[in-house]
Amino acid sequence: MDIGRSLGIAVLMIGVVVLRVAYRFSGAPMEQLSNTLTGRYTDTAMAYFIAGIATVFGGCLFVLFGKRI
């Protein structure tokens, strides 16, 4: 296994952890109250979701194309 794919797997795992944190954060009582009153999640929760998705996407790209990078 080359360094690009190893790095991709590590980035992918970090992305999964960030998404897990975002999911747990969105279930917090204050976040649920904010979602109920405003109809959307707070900027912090959305930032975690976006960062997690971007990191997972980047990790997948490294795993798929890591040999070429």
C-alpha atoms as a PDB file:
ATOM      1  CA  MET A   1       0.000   0.000   0.000  1.00  0.00           C
ATOM      2  CA  ASP A   2       1.463   3.333  -0.991  1.00  0.00           C
ATOM      3  CA  ILE A   3       1.546   6.557   1.018  1.00  0.00           C
ATOM      4  CA  GLY A   4      -1.287   8.220  -0.929  1.00  0.00           C
ATOM      5  CA  ARG A   5      -3.782   5.495  -0.137  1.00  0.00           C
ATOM      6  CA  SER A   6      -2.651   5.272   3.479  1.00  0.00           C
ATOM      7  CA  LEU A   7      -3.137   9.014   3.813  1.00  0.00           C
ATOM      8  CA  GLY A   8      -6.538   8.682   2.151  1.00  0.00           C
ATOM      9  CA  ILE A   9      -7.682   6.067   4.639  1.00  0.00           C
ATOM     10  CA  ALA A  10      -6.539   8.247   7.538  1.00  0.00           C
ATOM     11  CA  VAL A  11      -8.353  11.306   6.140  1.00  0.00           C
ATOM     12  CA  LEU A  12     -11.450   9.208   5.491  1.00  0.00           C
ATOM     13  CA  MET A  13     -11.484   7.985   9.093  1.00  0.00           C
ATOM     14  CA  ILE A  14     -11.073  11.543  10.401  1.00  0.00           C
ATOM     15  CA  GLY A  15     -14.024  12.596   8.237  1.00  0.00           C
ATOM     16  CA  VAL A  16     -16.173   9.809   9.648  1.00  0.00           C
ATOM     17  CA  VAL A  17     -15.285  10.915  13.187  1.00  0.00           C
ATOM     18  CA  VAL A  18     -16.177  14.542  12.375  1.00  0.00           C
ATOM     19  CA  LEU A  19     -19.521  13.438  10.902  1.00  0.00           C
ATOM     20  CA  ARG A  20     -20.195  11.360  14.023  1.00  0.00           C
ATOM     21  CA  VAL A  21     -19.452  14.382  16.222  1.00  0.00           C
ATOM     22  CA  ALA A  22     -21.734  16.538  14.071  1.00  0.00           C
ATOM     23  CA  TYR A  23     -24.543  13.996  14.324  1.00  0.00           C
ATOM     24  CA  ARG A  24     -24.231  13.779  18.096  1.00  0.00           C
ATOM     25  CA  PHE A  25     -23.987  17.574  18.347  1.00  0.00           C
ATOM     26  CA  SER A  26     -27.193  17.988  16.338  1.00  0.00           C
ATOM     27  CA  GLY A  27     -29.023  15.830  18.890  1.00  0.00           C
ATOM     28  CA  ALA A  28     -28.036  18.011  21.840  1.00  0.00           C
ATOM     29  CA  PRO A  29     -30.959  19.572  23.739  1.00  0.00           C
ATOM     30  CA  MET A  30     -30.060  23.191  22.933  1.00  0.00           C
ATOM     31  CA  GLU A  31     -29.528  22.296  19.275  1.00  0.00           C
ATOM     32  CA  GLN A  32     -32.931  20.595  19.159  1.00  0.00           C
ATOM     33  CA  LEU A  33     -34.537  23.656  20.739  1.00  0.00           C
ATOM     34  CA  SER A  34     -32.866  25.910  18.182  1.00  0.00           C
ATOM     35  CA  ASN A  35     -34.009  23.632  15.378  1.00  0.00           C
ATOM     36  CA  THR A  36     -37.566  23.636  16.718  1.00  0.00           C
ATOM     37  CA  LEU A  37     -37.746  27.420  17.068  1.00  0.00           C
ATOM     38  CA  THR A  38     -35.926  28.445  13.891  1.00  0.00           C
ATOM     39  CA  GLY A  39     -36.433  25.420  11.656  1.00  0.00           C
ATOM     40  CA  ARG A  40     -32.723  24.958  10.993  1.00  0.00           C
ATOM     41  CA  TYR A  41     -29.559  23.886  12.736  1.00  0.00           C
ATOM     42  CA  THR A  42     -27.066  26.367  14.150  1.00  0.00           C
ATOM     43  CA  ASP A  43     -24.073  27.510  12.126  1.00  0.00           C
ATOM     44  CA  THR A  44     -21.765  25.395  14.272  1.00  0.00           C
ATOM     45  CA  ALA A  45     -23.659  22.184  13.533  1.00  0.00           C
ATOM     46  CA  MET A  46     -23.750  22.981   9.826  1.00  0.00           C
ATOM     47  CA  ALA A  47     -20.010  23.711   9.839  1.00  0.00           C
ATOM     48  CA  TYR A  48     -19.337  20.291  11.379  1.00  0.00           C
ATOM     49  CA  PHE A  49     -21.525  18.566   8.795  1.00  0.00           C
ATOM     50  CA  ILE A  50     -19.907  20.411   5.883  1.00  0.00           C
ATOM     51  CA  ALA A  51     -16.386  19.777   7.198  1.00  0.00           C
ATOM     52  CA  GLY A  52     -17.150  16.095   7.734  1.00  0.00           C
ATOM     53  CA  ILE A  53     -18.603  15.632   4.264  1.00  0.00           C
ATOM     54  CA  ALA A  54     -15.690  17.466   2.641  1.00  0.00           C
ATOM     55  CA  THR A  55     -13.157  15.411   4.600  1.00  0.00           C
ATOM     56  CA  VAL A  56     -14.847  12.116   3.711  1.00  0.00           C
ATOM     57  CA  PHE A  57     -14.966  13.177   0.052  1.00  0.00           C
ATOM     58  CA  GLY A  58     -11.286  14.142   0.108  1.00  0.00           C
ATOM     59  CA  GLY A  59     -10.380  10.863   1.788  1.00  0.00           C
ATOM     60  CA  CYS A  60     -12.251   8.905  -0.873  1.00  0.00           C
ATOM     61  CA  LEU A  61     -10.404  10.782  -3.596  1.00  0.00           C
ATOM     62  CA  PHE A  62      -7.078   9.967  -1.964  1.00  0.00           C
ATOM     63  CA  VAL A  63      -8.016   6.298  -1.666  1.00  0.00           C
ATOM     64  CA  LEU A  64      -9.140   6.093  -5.288  1.00  0.00           C
ATOM     65  CA  PHE A  65      -6.463   8.252  -6.888  1.00  0.00           C
ATOM     66  CA  GLY A  66      -3.728   8.233  -4.258  1.00  0.00           C
ATOM     67  CA  LYS A  67      -1.273   6.458  -6.502  1.00  0.00           C
ATOM     68  CA  ARG A  68      -1.396   9.272  -9.052  1.00  0.00           C
ATOM     69  CA  ILE A  69      -0.901  12.109  -6.575  1.00  0.00           C
END
